[in-house]
C-alpha atoms as a PDB file:
ATOM      1  CA  MET A   1     258.591  73.249  -3.975  1.00  0.00           C
ATOM      2  CA  TRP A   2     255.819  70.336  -5.104  1.00  0.00           C
ATOM      3  CA  LYS A   3     254.732  71.776  -8.371  1.00  0.00           C
ATOM      4  CA  ASN A   4     257.458  69.385 -10.230  1.00  0.00           C
ATOM      5  CA  LEU A   5     256.647  66.474  -7.580  1.00  0.00           C
ATOM      6  CA  SER A   6     254.830  62.761  -9.214  1.00  0.00           C
ATOM      7  CA  SER A   7     253.441  59.810  -8.430  1.00  0.00           C
ATOM      8  CA  PRO A   8     253.540  58.527  -5.936  1.00  0.00           C
ATOM      9  CA  TRP A   9     254.133  61.563  -3.330  1.00  0.00           C
ATOM     10  CA  ARG A  10     250.822  63.237  -4.519  1.00  0.00           C
ATOM     11  CA  ASP A  11     247.968  60.850  -4.971  1.00  0.00           C
ATOM     12  CA  SER A  12     245.423  60.431  -2.549  1.00  0.00           C
ATOM     13  CA  LYS A  13     247.068  57.596  -0.473  1.00  0.00           C
ATOM     14  CA  PHE A  14     250.067  60.229   0.036  1.00  0.00           C
ATOM     15  CA  LEU A  15     247.482  62.684   1.047  1.00  0.00           C
ATOM     16  CA  ALA A  16     245.545  59.838   3.402  1.00  0.00           C
ATOM     17  CA  LEU A  17     249.238  59.137   5.048  1.00  0.00           C
ATOM     18  CA  GLN A  18     249.849  62.754   5.952  1.00  0.00           C
ATOM     19  CA  ARG A  19     246.406  62.876   7.688  1.00  0.00           C
ATOM     20  CA  LEU A  20     247.355  59.738   9.517  1.00  0.00           C
ATOM     21  CA  ILE A  21     250.837  61.083  10.384  1.00  0.00           C
ATOM     22  CA  GLN A  22     248.911  64.554  11.892  1.00  0.00           C
ATOM     23  CA  HIS A  23     246.450  62.465  13.738  1.00  0.00           C
ATOM     24  CA  ARG A  24     249.024  60.907  15.554  1.00  0.00           C
ATOM     25  CA  LEU A  25     251.186  63.699  16.422  1.00  0.00           C
ATOM     26  CA  HIS A  26     247.781  64.609  17.983  1.00  0.00           C
ATOM     27  CA  LEU A  27     247.524  61.989  19.958  1.00  0.00           C
ATOM     28  CA  VAL A  28     250.995  62.546  21.414  1.00  0.00           C
ATOM     29  CA  GLU A  29     250.207  65.772  22.486  1.00  0.00           C
ATOM     30  CA  CYS A  30     247.523  65.028  24.319  1.00  0.00           C
ATOM     31  CA  ILE A  31     249.477  62.443  25.910  1.00  0.00           C
ATOM     32  CA  THR A  32     252.306  65.012  26.780  1.00  0.00           C
ATOM     33  CA  HIS A  33     249.532  67.454  27.942  1.00  0.00           C
ATOM     34  CA  GLU A  34     247.330  65.151  30.156  1.00  0.00           C
ATOM     35  CA  LYS A  35     250.687  63.569  31.892  1.00  0.00           C
ATOM     36  CA  PRO A  36     252.021  67.008  33.733  1.00  0.00           C
ATOM     37  CA  TYR A  37     248.428  67.228  35.095  1.00  0.00           C
ATOM     38  CA  MET A  38     248.286  64.007  36.279  1.00  0.00           C
ATOM     39  CA  VAL A  39     251.664  64.270  37.934  1.00  0.00           C
ATOM     40  CA  SER A  40     250.015  67.932  39.763  1.00  0.00           C
ATOM     41  CA  ASN A  41     247.670  65.512  41.183  1.00  0.00           C
ATOM     42  CA  ILE A  42     249.751  62.901  42.189  1.00  0.00           C
ATOM     43  CA  CYS A  43     251.943  65.496  44.062  1.00  0.00           C
ATOM     44  CA  LEU A  44     248.931  66.644  46.186  1.00  0.00           C
ATOM     45  CA  LYS A  45     247.578  62.942  46.918  1.00  0.00           C
ATOM     46  CA  PHE A  46     250.885  61.011  47.351  1.00  0.00           C
ATOM     47  CA  ASN A  47     253.864  63.870  47.230  1.00  0.00           C
ATOM     48  CA  GLN A  48     256.501  61.519  48.260  1.00  0.00           C
ATOM     49  CA  LEU A  49     255.996  59.585  45.173  1.00  0.00           C
ATOM     50  CA  ALA A  50     256.300  61.956  42.808  1.00  0.00           C
ATOM     51  CA  VAL A  51     259.623  64.165  44.397  1.00  0.00           C
ATOM     52  CA  LEU A  52     261.815  60.892  45.409  1.00  0.00           C
ATOM     53  CA  ASP A  53     264.924  60.369  43.659  1.00  0.00           C
ATOM     54  CA  LYS A  54     265.305  57.775  41.051  1.00  0.00           C
ATOM     55  CA  GLU A  55     266.923  54.818  43.525  1.00  0.00           C
ATOM     56  CA  ASP A  56     264.424  55.299  46.115  1.00  0.00           C
ATOM     57  CA  LYS A  57     261.172  55.085  43.678  1.00  0.00           C
ATOM     58  CA  PRO A  58     259.439  52.292  44.171  1.00  0.00           C
ATOM     59  CA  PHE A  59     258.707  51.885  40.580  1.00  0.00           C
ATOM     60  CA  SER A  60     260.737  52.923  37.541  1.00  0.00           C
ATOM     61  CA  ASP A  61     257.638  54.155  35.566  1.00  0.00           C
ATOM     62  CA  LYS A  62     255.570  56.117  37.270  1.00  0.00           C
ATOM     63  CA  TYR A  63     252.758  55.880  34.601  1.00  0.00           C
ATOM     64  CA  GLY A  64     252.695  51.578  34.698  1.00  0.00           C
ATOM     65  CA  ALA A  65     250.427  49.157  35.769  1.00  0.00           C
ATOM     66  CA  THR A  66     251.253  48.885  39.304  1.00  0.00           C
ATOM     67  CA  SER A  67     251.859  52.876  40.095  1.00  0.00           C
ATOM     68  CA  ALA A  68     248.551  53.622  38.778  1.00  0.00           C
ATOM     69  CA  ALA A  69     246.923  50.374  41.097  1.00  0.00           C
ATOM     70  CA  VAL A  70     248.709  51.991  44.008  1.00  0.00           C
ATOM     71  CA  LEU A  71     247.625  55.503  43.117  1.00  0.00           C
ATOM     72  CA  THR A  72     243.836  54.501  42.526  1.00  0.00           C
ATOM     73  CA  GLU A  73     243.158  51.459  44.582  1.00  0.00           C
ATOM     74  CA  PHE A  74     244.250  52.971  48.100  1.00  0.00           C
ATOM     75  CA  LEU A  75     241.840  55.887  49.019  1.00  0.00           C
ATOM     76  CA  SER A  76     244.713  57.420  50.958  1.00  0.00           C
ATOM     77  CA  LEU A  77     248.164  56.821  52.232  1.00  0.00           C
ATOM     78  CA  ASP A  78     247.477  55.773  55.726  1.00  0.00           C
ATOM     79  CA  ASP A  79     245.525  52.400  54.138  1.00  0.00           C
ATOM     80  CA  ILE A  80     249.552  52.141  52.817  1.00  0.00           C
ATOM     81  CA  THR A  81     251.046  52.957  55.950  1.00  0.00           C
ATOM     82  CA  TYR A  82     248.976  50.565  58.127  1.00  0.00           C
ATOM     83  CA  PHE A  83     248.821  47.705  56.002  1.00  0.00           C
ATOM     84  CA  SER A  84     251.105  44.708  56.682  1.00  0.00           C
ATOM     85  CA  ILE A  85     253.846  44.611  54.645  1.00  0.00           C
ATOM     86  CA  GLU A  86     252.822  41.383  53.576  1.00  0.00           C
ATOM     87  CA  TYR A  87     249.897  42.514  52.069  1.00  0.00           C
ATOM     88  CA  LEU A  88     251.971  45.034  50.309  1.00  0.00           C
ATOM     89  CA  ILE A  89     254.547  42.654  49.095  1.00  0.00           C
ATOM     90  CA  ALA A  90     251.200  40.481  47.748  1.00  0.00           C
ATOM     91  CA  PHE A  91     250.018  43.633  45.829  1.00  0.00           C
ATOM     92  CA  VAL A  92     252.829  44.356  44.346  1.00  0.00           C
ATOM     93  CA  LYS A  93     253.445  41.496  42.802  1.00  0.00           C
ATOM     94  CA  GLU A  94     249.647  40.892  41.848  1.00  0.00           C
ATOM     95  CA  LYS A  95     249.598  44.596  40.140  1.00  0.00           C
ATOM     96  CA  GLY A  96     253.315  44.152  38.468  1.00  0.00           C
ATOM     97  CA  LYS A  97     252.553  40.291  37.488  1.00  0.00           C
ATOM     98  CA  ASN A  98     255.223  38.969  38.861  1.00  0.00           C
ATOM     99  CA  GLN A  99     257.477  41.443  36.654  1.00  0.00           C
ATOM    100  CA  ILE A 100     258.847  42.965  39.764  1.00  0.00           C
ATOM    101  CA  SER A 101     262.013  41.660  40.862  1.00  0.00           C
ATOM    102  CA  ASN A 102     262.194  42.703  44.287  1.00  0.00           C
ATOM    103  CA  SER A 103     258.845  43.161  45.550  1.00  0.00           C
ATOM    104  CA  LEU A 104     259.634  42.888  49.270  1.00  0.00           C
ATOM    105  CA  GLY A 105     262.168  46.016  48.516  1.00  0.00           C
ATOM    106  CA  THR A 106     259.497  47.976  46.452  1.00  0.00           C
ATOM    107  CA  ALA A 107     256.890  47.478  49.460  1.00  0.00           C
ATOM    108  CA  ASN A 108     259.158  48.667  51.929  1.00  0.00           C
ATOM    109  CA  LEU A 109     259.792  51.913  49.567  1.00  0.00           C
ATOM    110  CA  LEU A 110     256.169  52.238  48.827  1.00  0.00           C
ATOM    111  CA  GLN A 111     255.533  52.130  52.567  1.00  0.00           C
ATOM    112  CA  LYS A 112     258.646  54.803  53.739  1.00  0.00           C
ATOM    113  CA  ALA A 113     256.885  57.118  51.015  1.00  0.00           C
ATOM    114  CA  ALA A 114     253.295  56.769  52.818  1.00  0.00           C
ATOM    115  CA  ARG A 115     255.056  57.590  55.941  1.00  0.00           C
ATOM    116  CA  ASP A 116     256.759  60.359  54.853  1.00  0.00           C
ATOM    117  CA  SER A 117     254.155  62.233  53.066  1.00  0.00           C
ATOM    118  CA  TYR A 118     251.986  65.000  54.246  1.00  0.00           C
ATOM    119  CA  ARG A 119     248.726  64.072  55.254  1.00  0.00           C
ATOM    120  CA  LEU A 120     245.562  65.808  53.372  1.00  0.00           C
ATOM    121  CA  ASP A 121     242.058  66.171  54.968  1.00  0.00           C
ATOM    122  CA  LYS A 122     240.271  62.849  54.501  1.00  0.00           C
ATOM    123  CA  VAL A 123     237.350  64.764  52.038  1.00  0.00           C
ATOM    124  CA  LEU A 124     239.971  65.425  49.588  1.00  0.00           C
ATOM    125  CA  TYR A 125     241.412  61.889  48.711  1.00  0.00           C
ATOM    126  CA  LYS A 126     238.262  60.960  47.179  1.00  0.00           C
ATOM    127  CA  PRO A 127     237.881  63.948  44.501  1.00  0.00           C
ATOM    128  CA  LEU A 128     241.702  63.032  43.788  1.00  0.00           C
ATOM    129  CA  ASN A 129     241.624  59.650  43.255  1.00  0.00           C
ATOM    130  CA  VAL A 130     238.693  60.127  40.916  1.00  0.00           C
ATOM    131  CA  SER A 131     241.008  62.908  39.048  1.00  0.00           C
ATOM    132  CA  ILE A 132     243.888  60.464  38.769  1.00  0.00           C
ATOM    133  CA  THR A 133     242.127  57.692  37.784  1.00  0.00           C
ATOM    134  CA  PHE A 134     240.302  59.762  34.657  1.00  0.00           C
ATOM    135  CA  SER A 135     243.916  60.564  33.835  1.00  0.00           C
ATOM    136  CA  PHE A 136     245.380  57.078  33.947  1.00  0.00           C
ATOM    137  CA  ASN A 137     242.329  56.205  31.686  1.00  0.00           C
ATOM    138  CA  LEU A 138     242.540  58.602  29.181  1.00  0.00           C
ATOM    139  CA  ILE A 139     246.763  58.192  28.923  1.00  0.00           C
ATOM    140  CA  LYS A 140     245.866  54.065  28.181  1.00  0.00           C
ATOM    141  CA  ALA A 141     242.819  55.118  25.599  1.00  0.00           C
ATOM    142  CA  PHE A 142     245.189  57.437  23.914  1.00  0.00           C
ATOM    143  CA  GLU A 143     248.218  55.206  23.812  1.00  0.00           C
ATOM    144  CA  SER A 144     246.214  52.389  22.519  1.00  0.00           C
ATOM    145  CA  GLU A 145     244.898  54.556  19.938  1.00  0.00           C
ATOM    146  CA  VAL A 146     248.591  55.621  18.993  1.00  0.00           C
ATOM    147  CA  LYS A 147     249.280  51.679  18.308  1.00  0.00           C
ATOM    148  CA  THR A 148     245.924  51.613  15.994  1.00  0.00           C
ATOM    149  CA  ILE A 149     247.089  54.511  13.792  1.00  0.00           C
ATOM    150  CA  ASP A 150     250.727  52.808  13.729  1.00  0.00           C
ATOM    151  CA  LYS A 151     249.532  49.668  12.288  1.00  0.00           C
ATOM    152  CA  ALA A 152     247.084  52.407   9.686  1.00  0.00           C
ATOM    153  CA  ILE A 153     250.613  54.124   9.048  1.00  0.00           C
ATOM    154  CA  GLU A 154     252.556  50.615   8.330  1.00  0.00           C
ATOM    155  CA  LYS A 155     249.440  49.691   6.045  1.00  0.00           C
ATOM    156  CA  ASN A 156     249.308  52.691   4.130  1.00  0.00           C
ATOM    157  CA  ILE A 157     252.845  53.009   3.493  1.00  0.00           C
ATOM    158  CA  LYS A 158     253.001  49.668   1.695  1.00  0.00           C
ATOM    159  CA  GLY A 159     251.113  50.726  -0.694  1.00  0.00           C
ATOM    160  CA  ILE A 160     253.604  53.534  -1.537  1.00  0.00           C
ATOM    161  CA  ASN A 161     256.271  51.502  -0.677  1.00  0.00           C
ATOM    162  CA  THR A 162     258.776  53.507  -2.729  1.00  0.00           C
ATOM    163  CA  THR A 163     262.826  53.762  -2.666  1.00  0.00           C
ATOM    164  CA  GLU A 164     262.434  57.117  -0.634  1.00  0.00           C
ATOM    165  CA  TYR A 165     260.566  54.662   2.089  1.00  0.00           C
ATOM    166  CA  GLN A 166     262.952  51.748   1.692  1.00  0.00           C
ATOM    167  CA  PHE A 167     265.913  54.322   2.503  1.00  0.00           C
ATOM    168  CA  PRO A 168     265.603  56.060   6.057  1.00  0.00           C
ATOM    169  CA  LYS A 169     263.776  52.313   6.860  1.00  0.00           C
ATOM    170  CA  SER A 170     267.312  50.719   6.133  1.00  0.00           C
ATOM    171  CA  ILE A 171     268.709  52.929   8.970  1.00  0.00           C
ATOM    172  CA  PRO A 172     268.972  50.745  11.904  1.00  0.00           C
ATOM    173  CA  GLY A 173     266.713  51.999  14.587  1.00  0.00           C
ATOM    174  CA  ILE A 174     264.487  54.277  11.944  1.00  0.00           C
ATOM    175  CA  GLY A 175     260.844  51.994  11.844  1.00  0.00           C
ATOM    176  CA  PRO A 176     257.961  52.515   9.668  1.00  0.00           C
ATOM    177  CA  VAL A 177     256.165  55.358  11.387  1.00  0.00           C
ATOM    178  CA  PRO A 178     259.165  58.038  12.012  1.00  0.00           C
ATOM    179  CA  ALA A 179     260.198  57.103   8.153  1.00  0.00           C
ATOM    180  CA  SER A 180     256.802  57.170   7.250  1.00  0.00           C
ATOM    181  CA  GLY A 181     256.194  60.947   9.229  1.00  0.00           C
ATOM    182  CA  ILE A 182     259.198  62.041   7.576  1.00  0.00           C
ATOM    183  CA  LEU A 183     258.428  61.107   4.228  1.00  0.00           C
ATOM    184  CA  ALA A 184     254.699  62.041   4.554  1.00  0.00           C
ATOM    185  CA  LYS A 185     256.425  65.965   4.684  1.00  0.00           C
ATOM    186  CA  ILE A 186     258.887  65.830   2.281  1.00  0.00           C
ATOM    187  CA  GLY A 187     258.033  63.530  -0.488  1.00  0.00           C
ATOM    188  CA  PHE A 188     261.198  63.475  -2.414  1.00  0.00           C
ATOM    189  CA  ILE A 189     264.781  63.911  -0.298  1.00  0.00           C
ATOM    190  CA  SER A 190     265.871  65.745  -3.574  1.00  0.00           C
ATOM    191  CA  VAL A 191     263.510  69.042  -3.143  1.00  0.00           C
ATOM    192  CA  PHE A 192     265.559  70.465  -0.884  1.00  0.00           C
ATOM    193  CA  LYS A 193     269.035  72.322  -1.935  1.00  0.00           C
ATOM    194  CA  SER A 194     270.918  71.233   1.065  1.00  0.00           C
ATOM    195  CA  HIS A 195     270.392  69.596   4.551  1.00  0.00           C
ATOM    196  CA  ASN A 196     270.365  73.271   5.931  1.00  0.00           C
ATOM    197  CA  ALA A 197     267.218  73.790   3.903  1.00  0.00           C
ATOM    198  CA  LEU A 198     265.897  70.539   5.304  1.00  0.00           C
ATOM    199  CA  ALA A 199     266.332  71.970   8.445  1.00  0.00           C
ATOM    200  CA  LYS A 200     265.018  75.073   7.814  1.00  0.00           C
ATOM    201  CA  TYR A 201     261.792  74.006   6.821  1.00  0.00           C
ATOM    202  CA  ALA A 202     261.818  71.484   9.745  1.00  0.00           C
ATOM    203  CA  GLY A 203     261.970  74.121  12.124  1.00  0.00           C
ATOM    204  CA  LEU A 204     265.435  72.954  13.424  1.00  0.00           C
ATOM    205  CA  THR A 205     267.765  75.858  13.382  1.00  0.00           C
ATOM    206  CA  TRP A 206     269.117  77.561  16.038  1.00  0.00           C
ATOM    207  CA  ARG A 207     268.567  81.343  16.570  1.00  0.00           C
ATOM    208  CA  VAL A 208     271.741  83.873  17.394  1.00  0.00           C
ATOM    209  CA  ASN A 209     271.721  85.419  20.408  1.00  0.00           C
ATOM    210  CA  GLN A 210     273.631  88.619  19.967  1.00  0.00           C
ATOM    211  CA  SER A 211     274.538  91.639  21.922  1.00  0.00           C
ATOM    212  CA  GLY A 212     277.204  93.540  20.410  1.00  0.00           C
ATOM    213  CA  ASN A 213     280.345  91.721  19.409  1.00  0.00           C
ATOM    214  CA  SER A 214     279.119  89.042  22.084  1.00  0.00           C
ATOM    215  CA  THR A 215     276.902  85.765  20.946  1.00  0.00           C
ATOM    216  CA  SER A 216     275.524  83.834  23.746  1.00  0.00           C
ATOM    217  CA  ASP A 217     275.832  79.692  23.764  1.00  0.00           C
ATOM    218  CA  ASP A 218     272.376  80.034  25.132  1.00  0.00           C
ATOM    219  CA  THR A 219     270.018  79.542  21.930  1.00  0.00           C
ATOM    220  CA  ASN A 220     266.782  78.640  21.210  1.00  0.00           C
ATOM    221  CA  VAL A 221     265.711  76.336  18.545  1.00  0.00           C
ATOM    222  CA  SER A 222     263.536  78.127  15.875  1.00  0.00           C
ATOM    223  CA  LYS A 223     260.272  75.652  15.903  1.00  0.00           C
ATOM    224  CA  THR A 224     258.849  77.813  13.020  1.00  0.00           C
ATOM    225  CA  SER A 225     258.030  75.797  10.217  1.00  0.00           C
ATOM    226  CA  ASN A 226     256.569  72.177   9.926  1.00  0.00           C
ATOM    227  CA  LYS A 227     256.035  70.842  13.131  1.00  0.00           C
ATOM    228  CA  TYR A 228     255.212  67.117  11.893  1.00  0.00           C
ATOM    229  CA  LEU A 229     258.486  66.949  10.114  1.00  0.00           C
ATOM    230  CA  ARG A 230     260.480  68.298  13.074  1.00  0.00           C
ATOM    231  CA  TYR A 231     258.919  65.960  15.304  1.00  0.00           C
ATOM    232  CA  HIS A 232     259.318  62.716  13.443  1.00  0.00           C
ATOM    233  CA  LEU A 233     262.980  63.414  12.207  1.00  0.00           C
ATOM    234  CA  ILE A 234     263.686  64.536  16.306  1.00  0.00           C
ATOM    235  CA  GLU A 235     261.938  60.971  17.294  1.00  0.00           C
ATOM    236  CA  ALA A 236     264.029  59.026  14.263  1.00  0.00           C
ATOM    237  CA  ALA A 237     267.082  60.782  15.625  1.00  0.00           C
ATOM    238  CA  ASN A 238     266.530  59.722  19.171  1.00  0.00           C
ATOM    239  CA  SER A 239     265.524  56.079  18.351  1.00  0.00           C
ATOM    240  CA  VAL A 240     269.144  55.844  15.787  1.00  0.00           C
ATOM    241  CA  LYS A 241     270.701  57.188  19.178  1.00  0.00           C
ATOM    242  CA  ASN A 242     269.253  54.016  21.215  1.00  0.00           C
ATOM    243  CA  ASN A 243     269.424  51.521  18.810  1.00  0.00           C
ATOM    244  CA  SER A 244     273.502  52.062  17.271  1.00  0.00           C
ATOM    245  CA  PRO A 245     275.824  52.045  19.623  1.00  0.00           C
ATOM    246  CA  GLU A 246     278.357  54.143  17.222  1.00  0.00           C
ATOM    247  CA  TYR A 247     275.651  57.230  17.874  1.00  0.00           C
ATOM    248  CA  LYS A 248     274.934  56.402  21.239  1.00  0.00           C
ATOM    249  CA  LYS A 249     278.729  56.956  22.048  1.00  0.00           C
ATOM    250  CA  TYR A 250     278.446  59.702  19.977  1.00  0.00           C
ATOM    251  CA  TYR A 251     275.576  61.341  21.701  1.00  0.00           C
ATOM    252  CA  LYS A 252     277.182  60.897  25.180  1.00  0.00           C
ATOM    253  CA  THR A 253     280.516  62.569  24.073  1.00  0.00           C
ATOM    254  CA  LYS A 254     278.266  65.497  22.975  1.00  0.00           C
ATOM    255  CA  PHE A 255     276.519  65.497  25.628  1.00  0.00           C
ATOM    256  CA  ASP A 256     279.247  65.628  28.072  1.00  0.00           C
ATOM    257  CA  GLU A 257     280.602  68.828  26.887  1.00  0.00           C
ATOM    258  CA  ILE A 258     277.877  70.570  27.538  1.00  0.00           C
ATOM    259  CA  THR A 259     277.746  72.942  30.398  1.00  0.00           C
ATOM    260  CA  THR A 260     274.400  74.338  30.474  1.00  0.00           C
ATOM    261  CA  HIS A 261     271.879  72.484  28.932  1.00  0.00           C
END
């Protein structure tokens, strides 16, 4: 596929871009693996905080700064339950940097969740706190490194800056990183005979689930071939969906048609 390609898609800058793209996905995978592990510990320490419905959750982002402060700075649930509501309101305001619009409502939800959660033996809270704090610190460090890698990717792609890069970047919602990630794995789009060929190369095809004359609607994506290209294509598509009203409407229409997944 690559034998006819010429500069700039086979020079050292291109190879450097590939390494940055691969390292970025490695960091994202580290975050993805750490979050469920942290949530499992949160479920042990503060089970109601993990299982509440969205409208009853005190924090919209369980990985945010205010949630992290609650989970790591209060040793046990009794601390939250028996502190005065005024103290909790002040705590929420401080940790949320006054960005939480209804600090009283948040404090009440937090205290109720603490009251309704089951209790552990006191000796278990300290090791859980250590583990949860460690996970928050890891995730924060990984997210900081992703931002650093993003800057390096943008700097690297400027040294290439071809028409192939400008085209995907011109699509609303596709920024420098997903555009660079896609091009780092395909170079020239013209090397693919059709969009089906590109989808197959990215592993974005679905296996046929068939038995006799019956074909099931329940099929799995192949997830073979280039996982880096697949990741950035999906991220780019999701970003377009979030930033384009036209595609957001189309996505919702197709989403509502699905009955199982």
